[in-house]
N, C-alpha and C. Protein backbone atom coordinates (compact mmCIF):
# COMPACT_ATOMS: atom_id res chain seq x y z
N UNK A 1 27.48 -10.65 -5.72
CA UNK A 1 26.99 -9.30 -5.75
C UNK A 1 27.01 -8.78 -7.19
N UNK A 2 25.91 -8.23 -7.63
CA UNK A 2 25.82 -7.66 -8.97
C UNK A 2 26.51 -6.31 -8.96
N UNK A 3 27.40 -6.07 -9.93
CA UNK A 3 28.12 -4.80 -9.93
C UNK A 3 27.97 -3.97 -11.21
N UNK A 4 27.26 -4.47 -12.20
CA UNK A 4 26.99 -3.66 -13.39
C UNK A 4 25.97 -4.33 -14.29
N UNK A 5 25.37 -3.53 -15.15
CA UNK A 5 24.48 -4.05 -16.18
C UNK A 5 25.27 -4.05 -17.48
N UNK A 6 25.27 -5.16 -18.16
CA UNK A 6 26.07 -5.27 -19.37
C UNK A 6 25.24 -5.05 -20.64
N UNK A 7 24.03 -5.64 -20.68
CA UNK A 7 23.20 -5.54 -21.88
C UNK A 7 21.75 -5.33 -21.47
N UNK A 8 21.07 -4.46 -22.18
CA UNK A 8 19.63 -4.30 -22.02
C UNK A 8 19.00 -4.52 -23.40
N UNK A 9 17.79 -5.02 -23.44
CA UNK A 9 17.16 -5.40 -24.70
C UNK A 9 16.05 -4.44 -25.09
N UNK A 10 16.02 -4.11 -26.37
CA UNK A 10 14.94 -3.35 -27.00
C UNK A 10 14.37 -4.25 -28.08
N UNK A 11 13.06 -4.41 -28.09
CA UNK A 11 12.44 -5.24 -29.12
C UNK A 11 12.09 -4.39 -30.33
N UNK A 12 12.45 -4.90 -31.51
CA UNK A 12 12.26 -4.18 -32.77
C UNK A 12 11.61 -5.09 -33.80
N UNK A 13 10.96 -4.51 -34.77
CA UNK A 13 10.28 -5.31 -35.79
C UNK A 13 11.22 -5.77 -36.90
N UNK A 14 12.33 -5.06 -37.10
CA UNK A 14 13.26 -5.36 -38.19
C UNK A 14 14.66 -4.96 -37.71
N UNK A 15 15.54 -5.95 -37.57
CA UNK A 15 16.87 -5.67 -37.02
C UNK A 15 17.72 -4.81 -37.96
N UNK A 16 17.60 -4.98 -39.27
CA UNK A 16 18.37 -4.16 -40.20
C UNK A 16 17.92 -2.70 -40.15
N UNK A 17 16.61 -2.50 -40.11
CA UNK A 17 16.07 -1.14 -39.99
C UNK A 17 16.50 -0.51 -38.66
N UNK A 18 16.49 -1.30 -37.59
CA UNK A 18 16.92 -0.81 -36.28
C UNK A 18 18.40 -0.44 -36.31
N UNK A 19 19.23 -1.28 -36.92
CA UNK A 19 20.66 -0.96 -37.03
C UNK A 19 20.87 0.34 -37.78
N UNK A 20 20.12 0.54 -38.86
CA UNK A 20 20.24 1.79 -39.62
C UNK A 20 19.91 2.99 -38.73
N UNK A 21 18.90 2.86 -37.89
CA UNK A 21 18.51 3.96 -37.00
C UNK A 21 19.56 4.17 -35.90
N UNK A 22 19.88 3.12 -35.14
CA UNK A 22 20.76 3.27 -33.99
C UNK A 22 22.20 3.61 -34.38
N UNK A 23 22.68 3.04 -35.48
CA UNK A 23 24.05 3.32 -35.92
C UNK A 23 24.07 4.52 -36.88
N UNK A 24 23.20 4.48 -37.90
CA UNK A 24 23.22 5.51 -38.93
C UNK A 24 22.72 6.86 -38.49
N UNK A 25 21.72 6.89 -37.59
CA UNK A 25 21.16 8.18 -37.15
C UNK A 25 21.65 8.59 -35.77
N UNK A 26 21.59 7.67 -34.80
CA UNK A 26 22.00 8.04 -33.44
C UNK A 26 23.53 8.06 -33.28
N UNK A 27 24.23 7.35 -34.16
CA UNK A 27 25.69 7.35 -34.08
C UNK A 27 26.28 6.34 -33.12
N UNK A 28 25.48 5.35 -32.70
CA UNK A 28 26.02 4.30 -31.85
C UNK A 28 26.89 3.37 -32.69
N UNK A 29 27.71 2.58 -32.04
CA UNK A 29 28.56 1.62 -32.74
C UNK A 29 27.90 0.24 -32.71
N UNK A 30 28.03 -0.48 -33.82
CA UNK A 30 27.58 -1.88 -33.84
C UNK A 30 28.67 -2.70 -33.15
N UNK A 31 28.33 -3.35 -32.05
CA UNK A 31 29.29 -4.14 -31.28
C UNK A 31 29.28 -5.61 -31.68
N UNK A 32 28.07 -6.15 -31.90
CA UNK A 32 27.93 -7.56 -32.25
C UNK A 32 26.80 -7.69 -33.26
N UNK A 33 27.02 -8.52 -34.26
CA UNK A 33 25.97 -8.90 -35.21
C UNK A 33 26.22 -10.36 -35.54
N UNK A 34 25.60 -11.24 -34.77
CA UNK A 34 25.92 -12.66 -34.80
C UNK A 34 24.70 -13.50 -35.16
N UNK A 35 24.70 -14.09 -36.37
CA UNK A 35 23.61 -15.01 -36.71
C UNK A 35 23.75 -16.30 -35.91
N UNK A 36 22.63 -16.75 -35.38
CA UNK A 36 22.61 -18.00 -34.61
C UNK A 36 21.57 -18.90 -35.26
N UNK A 37 21.51 -20.16 -34.86
CA UNK A 37 20.58 -21.08 -35.53
C UNK A 37 19.12 -20.61 -35.54
N UNK A 38 18.62 -20.05 -34.43
CA UNK A 38 17.20 -19.70 -34.40
C UNK A 38 16.95 -18.20 -34.28
N UNK A 39 17.99 -17.40 -34.16
CA UNK A 39 17.81 -15.96 -34.08
C UNK A 39 19.13 -15.25 -34.39
N UNK A 40 19.10 -13.95 -34.38
CA UNK A 40 20.28 -13.12 -34.65
C UNK A 40 20.51 -12.22 -33.43
N UNK A 41 21.73 -12.20 -32.92
CA UNK A 41 22.07 -11.37 -31.77
C UNK A 41 22.76 -10.11 -32.28
N UNK A 42 22.14 -8.95 -32.01
CA UNK A 42 22.68 -7.67 -32.44
C UNK A 42 22.80 -6.76 -31.22
N UNK A 43 23.99 -6.15 -31.05
CA UNK A 43 24.21 -5.19 -29.96
C UNK A 43 24.81 -3.91 -30.52
N UNK A 44 24.34 -2.78 -29.98
CA UNK A 44 24.89 -1.47 -30.30
C UNK A 44 25.19 -0.75 -28.99
N UNK A 45 26.08 0.25 -29.05
CA UNK A 45 26.43 1.01 -27.84
C UNK A 45 27.10 2.31 -28.25
N UNK A 46 27.00 3.32 -27.37
CA UNK A 46 27.82 4.51 -27.59
C UNK A 46 29.30 4.13 -27.51
N UNK A 47 30.15 4.84 -28.22
CA UNK A 47 31.58 4.57 -28.19
C UNK A 47 32.09 4.61 -26.75
N UNK A 48 32.80 3.57 -26.35
CA UNK A 48 33.40 3.51 -25.03
C UNK A 48 32.47 3.12 -23.90
N UNK A 49 31.20 2.89 -24.19
CA UNK A 49 30.23 2.54 -23.14
C UNK A 49 30.40 1.10 -22.69
N UNK A 50 30.13 0.85 -21.41
CA UNK A 50 30.15 -0.52 -20.88
C UNK A 50 28.85 -1.24 -21.20
N UNK A 51 27.74 -0.52 -21.20
CA UNK A 51 26.43 -1.13 -21.42
C UNK A 51 26.04 -1.07 -22.88
N UNK A 52 25.56 -2.19 -23.41
CA UNK A 52 25.10 -2.28 -24.79
C UNK A 52 23.58 -2.43 -24.83
N UNK A 53 23.02 -2.13 -25.99
CA UNK A 53 21.60 -2.36 -26.24
C UNK A 53 21.50 -3.51 -27.23
N UNK A 54 20.77 -4.55 -26.85
CA UNK A 54 20.52 -5.67 -27.75
C UNK A 54 19.24 -5.37 -28.52
N UNK A 55 19.31 -5.43 -29.83
CA UNK A 55 18.16 -5.19 -30.70
C UNK A 55 17.61 -6.54 -31.13
N UNK A 56 16.49 -6.94 -30.54
CA UNK A 56 15.96 -8.28 -30.75
C UNK A 56 14.56 -8.25 -31.32
N UNK A 57 14.27 -9.26 -32.14
CA UNK A 57 12.90 -9.45 -32.63
C UNK A 57 12.04 -9.94 -31.47
N UNK A 58 10.75 -9.62 -31.48
CA UNK A 58 9.87 -10.10 -30.41
C UNK A 58 9.83 -11.63 -30.38
N UNK A 59 9.64 -12.18 -29.20
CA UNK A 59 9.48 -13.61 -29.07
C UNK A 59 8.15 -14.03 -29.68
N UNK A 60 8.00 -15.30 -30.06
CA UNK A 60 6.73 -15.76 -30.63
C UNK A 60 5.56 -15.43 -29.70
N UNK A 61 4.52 -14.84 -30.25
CA UNK A 61 3.33 -14.48 -29.49
C UNK A 61 3.43 -13.16 -28.76
N UNK A 62 4.60 -12.53 -28.81
CA UNK A 62 4.80 -11.25 -28.11
C UNK A 62 4.37 -10.10 -29.01
N UNK A 63 3.59 -9.18 -28.47
CA UNK A 63 3.20 -7.99 -29.22
C UNK A 63 4.28 -6.94 -29.08
N UNK A 64 4.55 -6.25 -30.17
CA UNK A 64 5.52 -5.16 -30.16
C UNK A 64 4.75 -3.88 -29.90
N UNK A 65 4.91 -3.29 -28.71
CA UNK A 65 4.11 -2.14 -28.31
C UNK A 65 4.81 -0.80 -28.41
N UNK A 66 6.13 -0.76 -28.30
CA UNK A 66 6.82 0.51 -28.20
C UNK A 66 6.55 1.11 -26.83
N UNK A 67 6.62 2.44 -26.73
CA UNK A 67 6.40 3.12 -25.46
C UNK A 67 7.71 3.37 -24.73
N UNK A 68 7.60 3.88 -23.53
CA UNK A 68 8.77 4.27 -22.76
C UNK A 68 9.64 3.07 -22.43
N UNK A 69 10.94 3.21 -22.67
CA UNK A 69 11.90 2.16 -22.32
C UNK A 69 12.52 2.41 -20.95
N UNK A 70 12.41 3.64 -20.46
CA UNK A 70 13.07 4.00 -19.22
C UNK A 70 14.56 4.23 -19.39
N UNK A 71 15.05 4.15 -20.63
CA UNK A 71 16.48 4.34 -20.89
C UNK A 71 16.79 5.82 -21.10
N UNK A 72 17.94 6.23 -20.58
CA UNK A 72 18.38 7.62 -20.67
C UNK A 72 19.75 7.67 -21.32
N UNK A 73 19.86 8.47 -22.38
CA UNK A 73 21.14 8.74 -23.01
C UNK A 73 21.66 10.06 -22.45
N UNK A 74 22.86 10.05 -21.86
CA UNK A 74 23.48 11.28 -21.39
C UNK A 74 24.18 11.98 -22.55
N UNK A 75 24.14 13.31 -22.54
CA UNK A 75 24.81 14.11 -23.56
C UNK A 75 25.31 15.39 -22.92
N UNK A 76 26.30 15.98 -23.54
CA UNK A 76 26.81 17.27 -23.05
C UNK A 76 26.17 18.44 -23.79
N UNK A 77 25.36 18.14 -24.82
CA UNK A 77 24.73 19.20 -25.62
C UNK A 77 23.37 18.71 -26.15
N UNK A 78 22.37 18.66 -25.28
CA UNK A 78 21.07 18.13 -25.66
C UNK A 78 20.43 18.97 -26.78
N UNK A 79 20.59 20.28 -26.73
CA UNK A 79 19.99 21.13 -27.77
C UNK A 79 20.65 20.91 -29.13
N UNK A 80 21.97 20.83 -29.14
CA UNK A 80 22.68 20.56 -30.39
C UNK A 80 22.37 19.18 -30.94
N UNK A 81 22.32 18.17 -30.06
CA UNK A 81 21.97 16.81 -30.50
C UNK A 81 20.54 16.76 -31.02
N UNK A 82 19.64 17.46 -30.35
CA UNK A 82 18.24 17.52 -30.80
C UNK A 82 18.18 18.09 -32.22
N UNK A 83 18.85 19.20 -32.46
CA UNK A 83 18.84 19.83 -33.79
C UNK A 83 19.41 18.88 -34.84
N UNK A 84 20.56 18.27 -34.55
CA UNK A 84 21.22 17.36 -35.50
C UNK A 84 20.37 16.13 -35.78
N UNK A 85 19.84 15.51 -34.73
CA UNK A 85 19.06 14.28 -34.92
C UNK A 85 17.72 14.56 -35.58
N UNK A 86 17.05 15.65 -35.21
CA UNK A 86 15.78 16.00 -35.86
C UNK A 86 15.99 16.24 -37.35
N UNK A 87 17.10 16.85 -37.72
CA UNK A 87 17.41 17.07 -39.14
C UNK A 87 17.61 15.76 -39.89
N UNK A 88 17.98 14.71 -39.17
CA UNK A 88 18.16 13.39 -39.78
C UNK A 88 16.88 12.56 -39.77
N UNK A 89 15.79 13.16 -39.28
CA UNK A 89 14.51 12.47 -39.29
C UNK A 89 14.15 11.74 -38.02
N UNK A 90 14.92 11.91 -36.93
CA UNK A 90 14.57 11.28 -35.67
C UNK A 90 13.32 11.97 -35.12
N UNK A 91 12.34 11.18 -34.70
CA UNK A 91 11.07 11.69 -34.18
C UNK A 91 11.20 12.05 -32.71
N UNK A 92 11.06 13.33 -32.40
CA UNK A 92 11.11 13.79 -31.01
C UNK A 92 9.70 13.97 -30.49
N UNK A 93 9.44 13.41 -29.31
CA UNK A 93 8.14 13.57 -28.66
C UNK A 93 8.18 14.70 -27.64
N UNK A 94 9.39 15.18 -27.33
CA UNK A 94 9.56 16.33 -26.44
C UNK A 94 10.83 17.06 -26.86
N UNK A 95 10.71 18.34 -27.15
CA UNK A 95 11.87 19.17 -27.45
C UNK A 95 12.68 19.37 -26.17
N UNK A 96 13.93 19.82 -26.28
CA UNK A 96 14.72 20.08 -25.06
C UNK A 96 13.97 21.01 -24.11
N UNK A 97 13.82 20.54 -22.88
CA UNK A 97 13.04 21.25 -21.87
C UNK A 97 13.81 21.28 -20.56
N UNK A 98 13.91 22.47 -19.95
CA UNK A 98 14.53 22.60 -18.63
C UNK A 98 13.70 21.79 -17.63
N UNK A 99 14.39 21.03 -16.79
CA UNK A 99 13.72 20.19 -15.80
C UNK A 99 14.01 20.71 -14.39
N UNK A 100 13.08 20.53 -13.46
CA UNK A 100 13.28 21.03 -12.10
C UNK A 100 14.42 20.34 -11.35
N UNK A 101 14.85 19.19 -11.82
CA UNK A 101 15.94 18.48 -11.15
C UNK A 101 17.32 18.96 -11.59
N UNK A 102 17.36 20.01 -12.42
CA UNK A 102 18.64 20.59 -12.79
C UNK A 102 19.25 20.04 -14.05
N UNK A 103 18.46 19.87 -15.06
CA UNK A 103 18.96 19.39 -16.34
C UNK A 103 18.04 19.78 -17.47
N UNK A 104 18.43 19.39 -18.67
CA UNK A 104 17.62 19.60 -19.86
C UNK A 104 17.35 18.23 -20.46
N UNK A 105 16.10 17.97 -20.80
CA UNK A 105 15.71 16.65 -21.32
C UNK A 105 14.94 16.80 -22.62
N UNK A 106 15.25 15.93 -23.57
CA UNK A 106 14.45 15.75 -24.78
C UNK A 106 14.08 14.28 -24.84
N UNK A 107 12.98 13.97 -25.53
CA UNK A 107 12.54 12.58 -25.66
C UNK A 107 12.34 12.27 -27.14
N UNK A 108 12.75 11.06 -27.55
CA UNK A 108 12.62 10.65 -28.95
C UNK A 108 12.22 9.18 -29.04
N UNK A 109 11.75 8.79 -30.21
CA UNK A 109 11.37 7.40 -30.44
C UNK A 109 12.19 6.80 -31.58
N UNK A 110 12.32 5.48 -31.53
CA UNK A 110 12.92 4.76 -32.65
C UNK A 110 11.81 4.42 -33.64
N UNK A 111 12.11 3.77 -34.76
CA UNK A 111 11.06 3.46 -35.75
C UNK A 111 9.93 2.56 -35.23
N UNK A 112 10.16 1.83 -34.13
CA UNK A 112 9.14 0.96 -33.56
C UNK A 112 8.38 1.61 -32.42
N UNK A 113 8.63 2.88 -32.16
CA UNK A 113 7.91 3.59 -31.11
C UNK A 113 8.50 3.43 -29.72
N UNK A 114 9.69 2.80 -29.60
CA UNK A 114 10.38 2.72 -28.32
C UNK A 114 10.87 4.12 -27.98
N UNK A 115 10.53 4.62 -26.79
CA UNK A 115 10.86 5.99 -26.43
C UNK A 115 12.04 6.06 -25.45
N UNK A 116 12.91 7.04 -25.68
CA UNK A 116 14.12 7.24 -24.89
C UNK A 116 14.20 8.69 -24.44
N UNK A 117 14.88 8.92 -23.32
CA UNK A 117 15.22 10.28 -22.89
C UNK A 117 16.66 10.57 -23.29
N UNK A 118 16.91 11.82 -23.60
CA UNK A 118 18.25 12.31 -23.83
C UNK A 118 18.44 13.47 -22.86
N UNK A 119 19.44 13.39 -21.99
CA UNK A 119 19.55 14.31 -20.87
C UNK A 119 20.92 14.97 -20.83
N UNK A 120 20.89 16.26 -20.56
CA UNK A 120 22.10 17.02 -20.25
C UNK A 120 21.93 17.50 -18.81
N UNK A 121 22.79 17.01 -17.95
CA UNK A 121 22.72 17.40 -16.53
C UNK A 121 23.47 18.72 -16.36
N UNK A 122 22.82 19.68 -15.71
CA UNK A 122 23.41 21.00 -15.55
C UNK A 122 23.81 21.29 -14.11
N UNK A 123 23.45 20.42 -13.19
CA UNK A 123 23.86 20.64 -11.81
C UNK A 123 24.17 19.32 -11.13
């Protein structure tokens, strides 16, 4: 029986640039940065999180498209995080917006156009 997700992958064009964004701007922690014979394994995660994000180069022949990842970052202050991250140059595609499901959501992209939601649940 599967009981948790440990790692999810985001494809990026440059792992060092991605690390600068995810660690330097979003404030995630670098968990693993392991050079291997044919590739480099890089993982980042929020402090204390069980699930990590693997930042990987596209496989040979794979196009890097960006777009919605379906990933959601939970926060207790979406408006404050939006202000802080926007000031650091994070590109927001949606400002904090009240949602009918009882929360506030903002959406942002990484340098490769991968889009994420940032959500503060209010009910």
